[in-house]
């Protein structure tokens, strides 16, 4: 048991038990419970959660209304007034000793209501940044556009028509100012990032006067480990070299076009590309030679697919500290990845290859390097995986919040 001071904690996140941040919030919650800390995860009603300590704070109709209003007026994060007020009343009733924030975007919260409450409440607030949204005037990522406006004041946003979508107005300048005023109003605020890469960005943002600590994400090593399965047999892969890609969403930003190009360049008699997390729309863009596996919530099945692959390829063009890289390595599958966000912080110690340049050619070079000496890379994966144990990673949250 870790010696704790705080006896009640509240987390707020867009997800609970599903998706990467939803799994993280539940893993932290369970560790807190094990250490005798009463805690709850408040989450968006955009999906159902079976987690007993999860508290839904907005329903799908409210979320849909928030989406429509923010797309019309361009002010995502400043609707859902009544559901946020309801959440505040519930939090006051619980009386937590500290509050841990995760993803606040997602059309389910009113930032003004939430942060005025946090300022008045006066308890310590910890905020895990899973992307860049907290310190920009609009977007969650800006790597592809190489935008630097977030450093001193957003305007003329190049991603106005990307999530969070705005049909008519560019409100990035106004939202940057409103977010800066609200978010920096908290005296006792600690920023947590999963990667050193994101921590460095935070130190250049309007949060530069707040403490920043890095706590890497972790995964469940009881689930993600090398597993035997008949995946290759069922999909008639045979002795081909299996190249795997996994993503919750497939588009340009996640490198779908890269896999299409890899398919053209790799000999189909020797290589088989498998993409997991696709849907009917993505299937329309894929050639018949690429095996498409629609999104699965069965984590054991996913681990079996990772274990069946010879190489895991992550061609993401925007990311923070991608869970998929850890999951592949834990299943003893070497990773070849673009040098995006915190990707290279995961792929260390010889467990894969970080492409020198974010090009198809550099990925192909990495794939060939892994294939040529795969046993050595697999051994490195076996050594690296101990660092991904979610219990050890997320115990740092307990230490940080409950000290």
Protein backbone atom coordinates (compact mmCIF):
# COMPACT_ATOMS: atom_id res chain seq x y z
CA UNK A 1 0.00 0.00 0.00
CA UNK A 2 1.15 3.50 -0.84
CA UNK A 3 0.77 5.96 2.02
CA UNK A 4 -2.05 8.29 0.96
CA UNK A 5 -3.39 11.61 2.18
CA UNK A 6 -6.26 12.19 -0.23
CA UNK A 7 -9.27 9.98 0.48
CA UNK A 8 -11.54 11.04 -2.39
CA UNK A 9 -10.64 11.67 -6.03
CA UNK A 10 -12.74 12.60 -9.06
CA UNK A 11 -11.60 12.09 -12.64
CA UNK A 12 -13.23 13.78 -15.65
CA UNK A 13 -12.74 12.31 -19.12
CA UNK A 14 -14.58 11.99 -22.42
CA UNK A 15 -14.45 8.19 -22.15
CA UNK A 16 -14.66 5.53 -19.45
CA UNK A 17 -13.33 2.03 -20.01
CA UNK A 18 -13.14 2.28 -23.80
CA UNK A 19 -10.66 4.03 -26.06
CA UNK A 20 -7.11 4.77 -24.93
CA UNK A 21 -7.93 7.54 -22.44
CA UNK A 22 -10.98 5.64 -21.17
CA UNK A 23 -8.86 2.62 -20.35
CA UNK A 24 -6.28 4.83 -18.67
CA UNK A 25 -8.85 6.55 -16.43
CA UNK A 26 -10.30 3.20 -15.32
CA UNK A 27 -6.84 1.72 -14.68
CA UNK A 28 -6.00 4.71 -12.47
CA UNK A 29 -9.37 4.39 -10.72
CA UNK A 30 -8.79 0.73 -9.88
CA UNK A 31 -5.35 1.48 -8.47
CA UNK A 32 -6.82 4.24 -6.32
CA UNK A 33 -9.44 1.81 -5.00
CA UNK A 34 -6.73 -0.70 -4.17
CA UNK A 35 -5.07 2.01 -2.11
CA UNK A 36 -8.25 2.82 -0.20
CA UNK A 37 -9.11 5.97 -2.15
CA UNK A 38 -12.79 6.51 -2.95
CA UNK A 39 -12.98 7.77 -6.51
CA UNK A 40 -15.26 8.27 -9.50
CA UNK A 41 -14.82 8.72 -13.25
CA UNK A 42 -17.20 11.34 -14.72
CA UNK A 43 -17.54 10.80 -18.44
CA UNK A 44 -19.40 11.78 -21.60
CA UNK A 45 -22.54 9.87 -22.47
CA UNK A 46 -21.41 9.31 -26.04
CA UNK A 47 -20.99 5.65 -25.19
CA UNK A 48 -22.10 3.23 -22.50
CA UNK A 49 -19.73 2.19 -19.74
CA UNK A 50 -20.13 -0.78 -17.44
CA UNK A 51 -17.56 0.48 -14.98
CA UNK A 52 -19.21 0.62 -11.56
CA UNK A 53 -17.41 3.81 -10.54
CA UNK A 54 -18.24 5.59 -13.78
CA UNK A 55 -20.72 8.48 -13.71
CA UNK A 56 -22.31 9.60 -16.98
CA UNK A 57 -22.66 13.38 -17.10
CA UNK A 58 -24.24 14.05 -20.49
CA UNK A 59 -26.56 12.19 -22.80
CA UNK A 60 -26.29 11.69 -26.54
CA UNK A 61 -28.91 14.35 -27.29
CA UNK A 62 -26.92 16.95 -25.31
CA UNK A 63 -23.71 15.93 -27.07
CA UNK A 64 -25.37 16.14 -30.46
CA UNK A 65 -26.71 19.61 -29.69
CA UNK A 66 -23.22 20.70 -28.57
CA UNK A 67 -21.78 19.35 -31.84
CA UNK A 68 -24.29 21.25 -33.97
CA UNK A 69 -23.92 24.54 -32.07
CA UNK A 70 -20.13 24.39 -32.09
CA UNK A 71 -20.07 23.64 -35.81
CA UNK A 72 -22.33 26.61 -36.47
CA UNK A 73 -20.66 29.10 -34.12
CA UNK A 74 -17.13 27.62 -33.96
CA UNK A 75 -16.97 27.64 -30.15
CA UNK A 76 -16.53 24.00 -29.19
CA UNK A 77 -16.18 23.55 -25.43
CA UNK A 78 -18.59 26.33 -24.49
CA UNK A 79 -21.94 24.56 -24.66
CA UNK A 80 -23.40 21.74 -22.49
CA UNK A 81 -24.09 24.36 -19.81
CA UNK A 82 -26.77 22.47 -17.88
CA UNK A 83 -25.06 19.06 -17.90
CA UNK A 84 -21.84 20.70 -16.67
CA UNK A 85 -23.72 22.50 -13.89
CA UNK A 86 -25.26 19.15 -12.92
CA UNK A 87 -21.80 17.57 -12.82
CA UNK A 88 -20.51 20.38 -10.62
CA UNK A 89 -23.32 19.79 -8.12
CA UNK A 90 -22.46 16.09 -8.02
CA UNK A 91 -18.77 16.79 -7.47
CA UNK A 92 -19.55 19.21 -4.65
CA UNK A 93 -21.66 16.51 -3.00
CA UNK A 94 -18.77 14.02 -3.21
CA UNK A 95 -16.26 16.57 -1.91
CA UNK A 96 -13.06 15.23 -3.52
CA UNK A 97 -9.64 16.14 -2.15
CA UNK A 98 -8.24 16.47 -5.67
CA UNK A 99 -9.52 16.39 -9.25
CA UNK A 100 -7.82 14.69 -12.20
CA UNK A 101 -8.77 15.94 -15.66
CA UNK A 102 -8.18 14.08 -18.91
CA UNK A 103 -9.72 14.86 -22.32
CA UNK A 104 -12.16 17.73 -21.83
CA UNK A 105 -12.96 18.17 -25.50
CA UNK A 106 -15.56 15.92 -27.06
CA UNK A 107 -18.71 18.08 -27.02
CA UNK A 108 -19.75 17.34 -23.44
CA UNK A 109 -18.50 20.16 -21.18
CA UNK A 110 -18.76 23.93 -20.75
CA UNK A 111 -15.24 25.16 -19.97
CA UNK A 112 -16.42 28.35 -18.31
CA UNK A 113 -18.69 26.54 -15.85
CA UNK A 114 -16.10 23.86 -15.09
CA UNK A 115 -13.08 26.11 -14.54
CA UNK A 116 -14.93 28.76 -12.55
CA UNK A 117 -15.99 25.94 -10.24
CA UNK A 118 -12.44 24.55 -10.03
CA UNK A 119 -11.10 28.01 -9.22
CA UNK A 120 -13.67 28.53 -6.45
CA UNK A 121 -13.32 24.97 -5.11
CA UNK A 122 -9.62 25.55 -4.49
CA UNK A 123 -8.53 21.90 -4.32
CA UNK A 124 -5.49 20.59 -6.25
CA UNK A 125 -6.18 19.95 -9.93
CA UNK A 126 -4.12 17.58 -12.08
CA UNK A 127 -4.62 17.62 -15.82
CA UNK A 128 -3.28 14.90 -18.12
CA UNK A 129 -2.83 16.24 -21.63
CA UNK A 130 -3.45 13.46 -24.16
CA UNK A 131 -3.09 15.88 -27.07
CA UNK A 132 -2.49 19.59 -27.72
CA UNK A 133 -6.07 20.88 -27.46
CA UNK A 134 -5.67 22.52 -24.01
CA UNK A 135 -3.20 25.13 -25.31
CA UNK A 136 -4.53 25.87 -28.80
CA UNK A 137 -7.42 27.95 -30.00
CA UNK A 138 -8.99 25.11 -31.94
CA UNK A 139 -7.14 21.93 -32.85
CA UNK A 140 -5.96 18.84 -30.98
CA UNK A 141 -2.89 18.43 -33.20
CA UNK A 142 -0.92 20.71 -35.49
CA UNK A 143 2.06 18.60 -36.59
CA UNK A 144 0.98 18.03 -40.19
CA UNK A 145 0.43 21.75 -40.79
CA UNK A 146 3.58 22.60 -38.76
CA UNK A 147 1.61 25.45 -37.21
CA UNK A 148 3.33 27.53 -34.50
CA UNK A 149 0.57 30.06 -33.77
CA UNK A 150 -0.32 28.37 -30.46
CA UNK A 151 2.87 29.76 -28.94
CA UNK A 152 1.60 33.35 -28.80
CA UNK A 153 -2.03 33.42 -29.97
CA UNK A 154 -3.99 31.39 -32.51
CA UNK A 155 -5.64 32.99 -35.54
CA UNK A 156 -6.58 32.00 -39.11
CA UNK A 157 -6.59 28.35 -38.08
CA UNK A 158 -5.46 26.01 -40.89
CA UNK A 159 -7.58 23.25 -39.34
CA UNK A 160 -10.87 25.09 -38.97
CA UNK A 161 -12.58 22.39 -40.99
CA UNK A 162 -11.03 19.53 -39.03
CA UNK A 163 -12.05 18.31 -35.57
CA UNK A 164 -13.53 20.11 -33.73
CA UNK A 165 -15.27 21.13 -36.96
CA UNK A 166 -16.45 24.67 -37.59
CA UNK A 167 -18.59 25.17 -40.69
CA UNK A 168 -18.56 28.96 -40.87
CA UNK A 169 -16.42 30.86 -38.36
CA UNK A 170 -12.77 30.82 -37.39
CA UNK A 171 -13.00 31.51 -33.65
CA UNK A 172 -9.45 30.37 -32.88
CA UNK A 173 -8.25 33.81 -31.71
CA UNK A 174 -11.21 34.23 -29.34
CA UNK A 175 -11.08 30.66 -28.04
CA UNK A 176 -7.33 30.88 -27.45
CA UNK A 177 -7.89 33.91 -25.23
CA UNK A 178 -10.84 32.38 -23.37
CA UNK A 179 -9.05 29.10 -22.77
CA UNK A 180 -5.87 30.84 -21.64
CA UNK A 181 -7.76 32.99 -19.14
CA UNK A 182 -9.79 30.09 -17.73
CA UNK A 183 -7.15 27.39 -17.70
CA UNK A 184 -4.38 29.48 -16.13
CA UNK A 185 -6.71 30.84 -13.43
CA UNK A 186 -6.05 27.79 -11.24
CA UNK A 187 -3.33 28.38 -8.67
CA UNK A 188 -2.86 24.71 -7.78
CA UNK A 189 -2.67 23.09 -11.23
CA UNK A 190 -0.19 20.39 -12.24
CA UNK A 191 0.12 19.31 -15.85
CA UNK A 192 0.83 15.64 -16.59
CA UNK A 193 1.92 14.43 -20.04
CA UNK A 194 2.52 10.87 -21.24
CA UNK A 195 5.58 11.90 -23.27
CA UNK A 196 8.62 14.13 -23.01
CA UNK A 197 7.71 15.45 -26.45
CA UNK A 198 4.39 16.86 -25.24
CA UNK A 199 5.95 18.13 -22.01
CA UNK A 200 8.38 20.20 -24.07
CA UNK A 201 5.48 21.73 -26.03
CA UNK A 202 3.61 22.57 -22.82
CA UNK A 203 6.66 24.46 -21.57
CA UNK A 204 6.41 26.70 -24.65
CA UNK A 205 2.68 27.30 -24.22
CA UNK A 206 0.66 29.57 -21.92
CA UNK A 207 0.99 26.80 -19.30
CA UNK A 208 4.74 27.46 -19.04
CA UNK A 209 4.42 28.76 -15.46
CA UNK A 210 2.71 25.60 -14.24
CA UNK A 211 4.59 22.49 -13.12
CA UNK A 212 4.78 19.69 -15.69
CA UNK A 213 5.49 16.05 -14.92
CA UNK A 214 5.79 13.11 -17.31
CA UNK A 215 3.97 9.85 -16.53
CA UNK A 216 4.15 7.38 -19.39
CA UNK A 217 1.04 5.47 -20.36
CA UNK A 218 0.95 1.74 -19.65
CA UNK A 219 -0.96 -1.31 -20.85
CA UNK A 220 -2.37 -4.49 -19.30
CA UNK A 221 0.43 -7.04 -19.70
CA UNK A 222 -1.91 -9.85 -18.63
CA UNK A 223 -3.77 -9.20 -21.90
CA UNK A 224 -1.07 -7.95 -24.23
CA UNK A 225 1.49 -10.71 -24.44
CA UNK A 226 2.60 -13.19 -27.06
CA UNK A 227 -0.36 -15.47 -27.83
CA UNK A 228 -0.98 -18.45 -30.08
CA UNK A 229 -3.95 -18.28 -32.45
CA UNK A 230 -5.23 -19.48 -35.80
CA UNK A 231 -5.43 -15.94 -37.20
CA UNK A 232 -2.95 -16.62 -40.01
CA UNK A 233 -4.69 -19.85 -40.96
CA UNK A 234 -8.19 -18.34 -40.91
CA UNK A 235 -7.07 -15.50 -43.16
CA UNK A 236 -4.97 -17.69 -45.44
CA UNK A 237 -1.76 -15.76 -44.81
CA UNK A 238 0.36 -18.87 -44.72
CA UNK A 239 4.10 -18.21 -44.72
CA UNK A 240 3.84 -14.64 -46.00
CA UNK A 241 5.43 -11.87 -43.95
CA UNK A 242 2.54 -10.15 -42.16
CA UNK A 243 2.68 -6.34 -41.94
CA UNK A 244 0.16 -5.06 -39.38
CA UNK A 245 -1.40 -1.65 -38.82
CA UNK A 246 -3.86 -0.84 -36.02
CA UNK A 247 -5.81 2.38 -35.50
CA UNK A 248 -9.17 3.43 -34.07
CA UNK A 249 -9.61 5.73 -37.10
CA UNK A 250 -8.04 5.31 -40.51
CA UNK A 251 -7.33 8.45 -42.55
CA UNK A 252 -4.43 10.50 -43.91
CA UNK A 253 -3.38 11.57 -40.41
CA UNK A 254 -3.08 7.93 -39.37
CA UNK A 255 -1.22 6.98 -42.54
CA UNK A 256 -3.86 5.10 -44.55
CA UNK A 257 -2.31 6.38 -47.77
CA UNK A 258 1.06 5.02 -46.64
CA UNK A 259 -0.31 1.50 -46.36
CA UNK A 260 -1.89 1.81 -49.79
CA UNK A 261 1.51 2.78 -51.18
CA UNK A 262 3.24 -0.04 -49.28
CA UNK A 263 0.79 -2.45 -50.87
CA UNK A 264 1.84 -1.25 -54.33
CA UNK A 265 5.55 -1.61 -53.57
CA UNK A 266 5.73 -4.85 -51.58
CA UNK A 267 5.65 -8.17 -53.41
CA UNK A 268 2.17 -9.68 -52.71
CA UNK A 269 3.67 -13.15 -52.98
CA UNK A 270 5.91 -12.41 -49.99
CA UNK A 271 4.02 -9.84 -47.90
CA UNK A 272 0.50 -9.57 -46.48
CA UNK A 273 -0.80 -6.25 -45.11
CA UNK A 274 -3.48 -6.44 -42.39
CA UNK A 275 -5.29 -3.33 -41.11
CA UNK A 276 -7.31 -3.42 -37.88
CA UNK A 277 -9.87 -0.77 -36.89
CA UNK A 278 -11.36 -0.25 -40.34
CA UNK A 279 -15.01 0.20 -41.28
CA UNK A 280 -17.20 -0.03 -44.37
CA UNK A 281 -16.05 3.38 -45.67
CA UNK A 282 -12.37 2.48 -45.33
CA UNK A 283 -13.01 -0.88 -47.00
CA UNK A 284 -14.13 0.97 -50.14
CA UNK A 285 -10.64 2.51 -50.41
CA UNK A 286 -8.71 -0.73 -49.87
CA UNK A 287 -7.56 -3.10 -52.60
CA UNK A 288 -8.68 -6.71 -52.25
CA UNK A 289 -5.16 -7.76 -51.32
CA UNK A 290 -5.24 -5.92 -47.96
CA UNK A 291 -7.00 -7.80 -45.17
CA UNK A 292 -9.43 -5.52 -43.33
CA UNK A 293 -10.47 -6.22 -39.74
CA UNK A 294 -13.17 -3.94 -38.38
CA UNK A 295 -12.74 -2.43 -34.93
CA UNK A 296 -12.82 -4.93 -32.08
CA UNK A 297 -13.25 -4.33 -28.36
CA UNK A 298 -11.97 -7.84 -27.61
CA UNK A 299 -8.48 -7.08 -26.33
CA UNK A 300 -7.44 -10.73 -26.27
CA UNK A 301 -8.36 -11.06 -29.94
CA UNK A 302 -6.35 -7.93 -30.67
CA UNK A 303 -3.33 -9.38 -28.82
CA UNK A 304 -3.63 -12.53 -30.94
CA UNK A 305 -3.50 -10.43 -34.10
CA UNK A 306 -0.45 -8.52 -32.87
CA UNK A 307 1.24 -11.83 -32.05
CA UNK A 308 0.56 -13.15 -35.55
CA UNK A 309 2.36 -10.28 -37.26
CA UNK A 310 6.01 -10.19 -38.27
CA UNK A 311 6.21 -6.38 -38.16
CA UNK A 312 3.93 -3.69 -36.76
CA UNK A 313 3.96 -0.47 -38.79
CA UNK A 314 2.76 2.84 -37.35
CA UNK A 315 2.60 5.49 -40.06
CA UNK A 316 0.82 8.05 -37.88
CA UNK A 317 1.45 11.68 -38.74
CA UNK A 318 0.10 13.02 -35.43
CA UNK A 319 0.23 11.29 -32.08
CA UNK A 320 1.33 11.68 -28.50
CA UNK A 321 2.40 8.38 -26.91
CA UNK A 322 0.59 5.75 -29.01
CA UNK A 323 -0.69 2.74 -27.09
CA UNK A 324 -0.57 0.57 -30.23
CA UNK A 325 3.24 0.70 -30.26
CA UNK A 326 3.37 -0.65 -26.70
CA UNK A 327 0.76 -3.32 -27.41
CA UNK A 328 2.72 -4.63 -30.39
CA UNK A 329 6.02 -4.74 -28.51
CA UNK A 330 4.34 -6.50 -25.56
CA UNK A 331 3.22 -9.19 -28.03
CA UNK A 332 6.86 -9.55 -29.19
CA UNK A 333 6.21 -7.86 -32.52
CA UNK A 334 8.88 -5.31 -33.51
CA UNK A 335 7.66 -1.83 -34.47
CA UNK A 336 8.56 0.35 -37.44
CA UNK A 337 7.24 3.86 -36.88
CA UNK A 338 7.35 7.39 -38.14
CA UNK A 339 9.16 9.84 -35.86
CA UNK A 340 5.90 11.42 -34.69
CA UNK A 341 5.23 12.89 -31.25
CA UNK A 342 6.42 10.50 -28.55
CA UNK A 343 6.67 7.44 -30.83
CA UNK A 344 10.43 7.20 -30.59
CA UNK A 345 10.26 7.35 -26.79
CA UNK A 346 8.49 3.98 -26.92
CA UNK A 347 10.56 2.32 -29.62
CA UNK A 348 13.88 2.25 -27.78
CA UNK A 349 16.38 -0.42 -26.80
CA UNK A 350 16.32 -2.11 -30.20
CA UNK A 351 12.66 -3.17 -30.16
CA UNK A 352 12.03 -1.60 -33.56
CA UNK A 353 13.01 1.11 -36.01
CA UNK A 354 12.16 4.80 -36.02
CA UNK A 355 12.11 6.01 -39.61
CA UNK A 356 14.73 8.69 -40.22
CA UNK A 357 12.30 10.46 -42.53
CA UNK A 358 8.52 10.21 -42.52
CA UNK A 359 8.38 8.64 -45.98
CA UNK A 360 7.26 5.35 -47.48
CA UNK A 361 10.86 4.65 -48.46
CA UNK A 362 12.09 5.04 -44.88
CA UNK A 363 9.35 2.73 -43.61
CA UNK A 364 10.23 0.10 -46.20
CA UNK A 365 13.86 0.32 -45.18
CA UNK A 366 12.82 -0.19 -41.55
CA UNK A 367 10.63 -3.17 -42.46
CA UNK A 368 13.47 -4.83 -44.31
CA UNK A 369 15.88 -4.21 -41.44
CA UNK A 370 13.51 -5.87 -38.98
CA UNK A 371 12.80 -8.84 -41.25
CA UNK A 372 16.50 -9.45 -41.86
CA UNK A 373 17.32 -9.65 -38.14
CA UNK A 374 13.93 -10.26 -36.54
CA UNK A 375 15.09 -12.58 -33.73
CA UNK A 376 17.31 -9.83 -32.31
CA UNK A 377 14.46 -7.31 -32.40
CA UNK A 378 12.13 -9.81 -30.71
CA UNK A 379 14.61 -10.32 -27.87
CA UNK A 380 14.74 -6.54 -27.42
CA UNK A 381 10.94 -6.46 -27.25
CA UNK A 382 11.06 -9.02 -24.44
CA UNK A 383 13.38 -6.71 -22.47
CA UNK A 384 11.43 -3.53 -23.20
CA UNK A 385 7.96 -4.78 -22.26
CA UNK A 386 8.48 -4.56 -18.49
CA UNK A 387 8.43 -0.77 -18.79
CA UNK A 388 4.85 -0.83 -20.10
CA UNK A 389 3.20 -2.44 -17.06
CA UNK A 390 0.20 -0.20 -16.39
CA UNK A 391 0.27 -0.95 -12.66
CA UNK A 392 3.78 0.43 -12.34
CA UNK A 393 3.10 3.34 -14.70
CA UNK A 394 -0.16 4.43 -13.09
CA UNK A 395 1.06 4.00 -9.52
CA UNK A 396 2.89 7.23 -10.27
CA UNK A 397 -0.53 8.91 -10.48
CA UNK A 398 -1.35 7.64 -7.01
CA UNK A 399 2.00 8.96 -5.74
CA UNK A 400 1.50 12.33 -7.47
CA UNK A 401 -2.13 12.95 -6.53
CA UNK A 402 -2.34 11.34 -3.09
CA UNK A 403 1.02 12.29 -1.62
